Each structure stands twice: as structure tokens, then as C-alpha cells.
Amino acid sequence: MKKSTVEILIHISLWSLILINLLNYTLVEEYVAEAFISAIFIIAIIAIPFYFNYFFLADLIFVQKQYLKYFIVVIVVSVFTYLILYFTSSTWLLEDDGISGWVSAVTNLILIIGLSNLIKGILSWFQDQQKKSDLEKEKLQSELKFLKLQVNPHFLFNSLNNIYSLSYKKSDKAAPMIARLSRILRYMLYECQETQVPLTKEIDLLKNFTDLNLLKIGQERRIDFYTEGIENHHKIAPLILITFLENAFKHGNILFDETGWINIECRVENKQLTYRLANSVSQNSTKVVDSGIGLKNIEKQLQLTYPSKYDLKISETPKEYTVELNIELS
């Protein structure tokens, strides 16, 4: 429900309750029609200080913090409203003609203005919370967009380098690589705009990326790709998994060593995604920690997208590099 709708409903409820309270006073001495007209008249009068405070005076305490000035103005407005009610012979709020009646009436009017402040304060607080939430969402989206802009050129740069190398050698593999790259870029450009994408699409991205690199190698390599429990309704933030696979090809030894291997495991159980990727390394392999924006980028995305809902473990031995990522899917 929109904030304006909630505000209107609160005001309608407030004045309905005041109307019922007024009728309890006026129905004692007046007929129903007269009592109703009298009650509406009184509401019209007391609505003046209520909304004068609501739209103008409340800022003195909520924004400007001028409490003394506010208190003085409220007293003046309450006395002025009391005089209007008194000279129009309105009986509500005026229990006696003496000092006690005056004090009681002004006190009631101050309470009405206080009620105006209460409603204004509650609605302002919720509005401020909504603004903070919106600002945080906008900040999150801006940061994620920036990070994705880093991912795509980084991946594209590496892929174009590979295609250029094959084209320079007049290899027949250049055309199939361009086709694979086209599929990947189409997905990145047109299907990764949402905050969540089907996990099946991300798996397809991993497979296309794997095929793209195998075309470059031109020889058989041991790549095991295992999936389990992945269904169409499972969703994940886009471009989370691809960076780890890119690092496995870039910093492992599979591209230049026939004994090189990559194991990819992706399974979902009870809304818990486990993504485990292991690859062989050699002494000549580049350390993954030196991979530039890739790994730092993905860790930042995880912090922004899955705060307290992910666990990332990275281990390395002289012969093997392993990444295990666990994410609580929404």
C-alpha cells in the first residue's frame, strides 16, 4: 500500500473516532440531525489547529528543533481556537464557563495538536525509513552495475584475445569461437539485467564458456561437469559463478598441459547451493590471487548480494586449486 493511501486512511479513522466521541456529547441534549451538524461544525473548527500544526508547525520540532517557539505558537493557536468555540457556543471541550473549563478546553486542544504531532512523527519516521531503504537499494544496484561492467569487459577482453590469436593463424576454430562468444554476450547483455536470474541459465553460461575454451585448446582435456538438484525455479544473482571458472582456465595448467583437469560441481539441496570448482595447477601457473579485478570483484558482489548468506572457501596446494561457494538461495 502506498504511503499516501495509508496517510489518508489514518486521517479518516482519526476523524471518525472524534466524530463518534462528539456525538456522545451532543446527542444528550440535541436531536440526531442537530447533533450531527454540531459535531461536524466542531470538527471543522478543531481541524484548523490540527492541520495548521500538521503541515506547518510540526517542522519546528521535527526539522528545526525550535521547541520553545513551537510551544508558544501552540498555546496561541489553542487559545484562539478556544475563543472561536466559546463564542459559537460549542459545548464540546467547554465543560465549565470558569477557569477550570478554560484550562480543560485548552488542554484538550493541545492534546489534539499533540495527536497531530504523533501521526506526523510516525508517518515521517516510516517515510524516512523508506527513503533510507530506497537509497540503500539504489546504492546497491549502482555498485552491482559497476561491478558487472567490470566483469563483462574483463571476460570480453580475454575472449577476443583468444579469437584474435586464432584468426591471426587463420584457424578454422575462430568462427565457432565467435558463435560461442555471441551466445555468451547475448546472455550477459540482455538477460542479466535482473537482480536474480534462473540458475539453469548460469549453468548454461558455464558450459558455453567451457566449450569456448576447449575450442581454443583444440585437444581433449579432462573436464568433469556435475550438477544435481537444480530446478527451473532456483534463482541466483547473475555472473557470480563464471569468474571462478574463468580463473580456473586462466591460472590453471589445463590450457598448456595435456594432464591438466577441471572439476565443476554444482548442486542444490534445501535451497542451499554448493558450487565447488577444483583445477590442476603447476609451478608455472599464475597465482589466482594476482588475477586483478576478478576475484576481488566477485567477493564484493557476494557481500552486496548475499550478506550473511554465503560462505566462500579457497584453498591451494602445489598441485590443486579449490573453490567452494555455498549460497542460501532466496
Foldseek 3Di string as FASTA:
>chain_A
DDLVVVLVVVVVVVLVVQLVVQLVVQVVPDPPVVSNVLSVVLCVLLVVLLVCCLPPLLCVCVPVNVVVVSVVVLLVSLLVSVVVCVVVVRCPLQPDPDPVSSVSSSVVSVVSNVVSNVSSVVSVVVVVVVVVVVVLVVVLLVLVVVLLVVVVVVVVVVLVVLLVVCVVVVHPLSVVLVVLVVVLVCCSPPVQSDQKDAPVVQVVNQVSVVVSLCSSLVDDAAEAAEEEARDRPFIDRPPLPNLVVVLQVQQACRSPDRHKYKYWYWYDDPQKIKTKIKIWHAPPGDDSVPVPCRVVSSVVNCCSSAPVFKDWDWDDDNTMTMIIIMGRTD
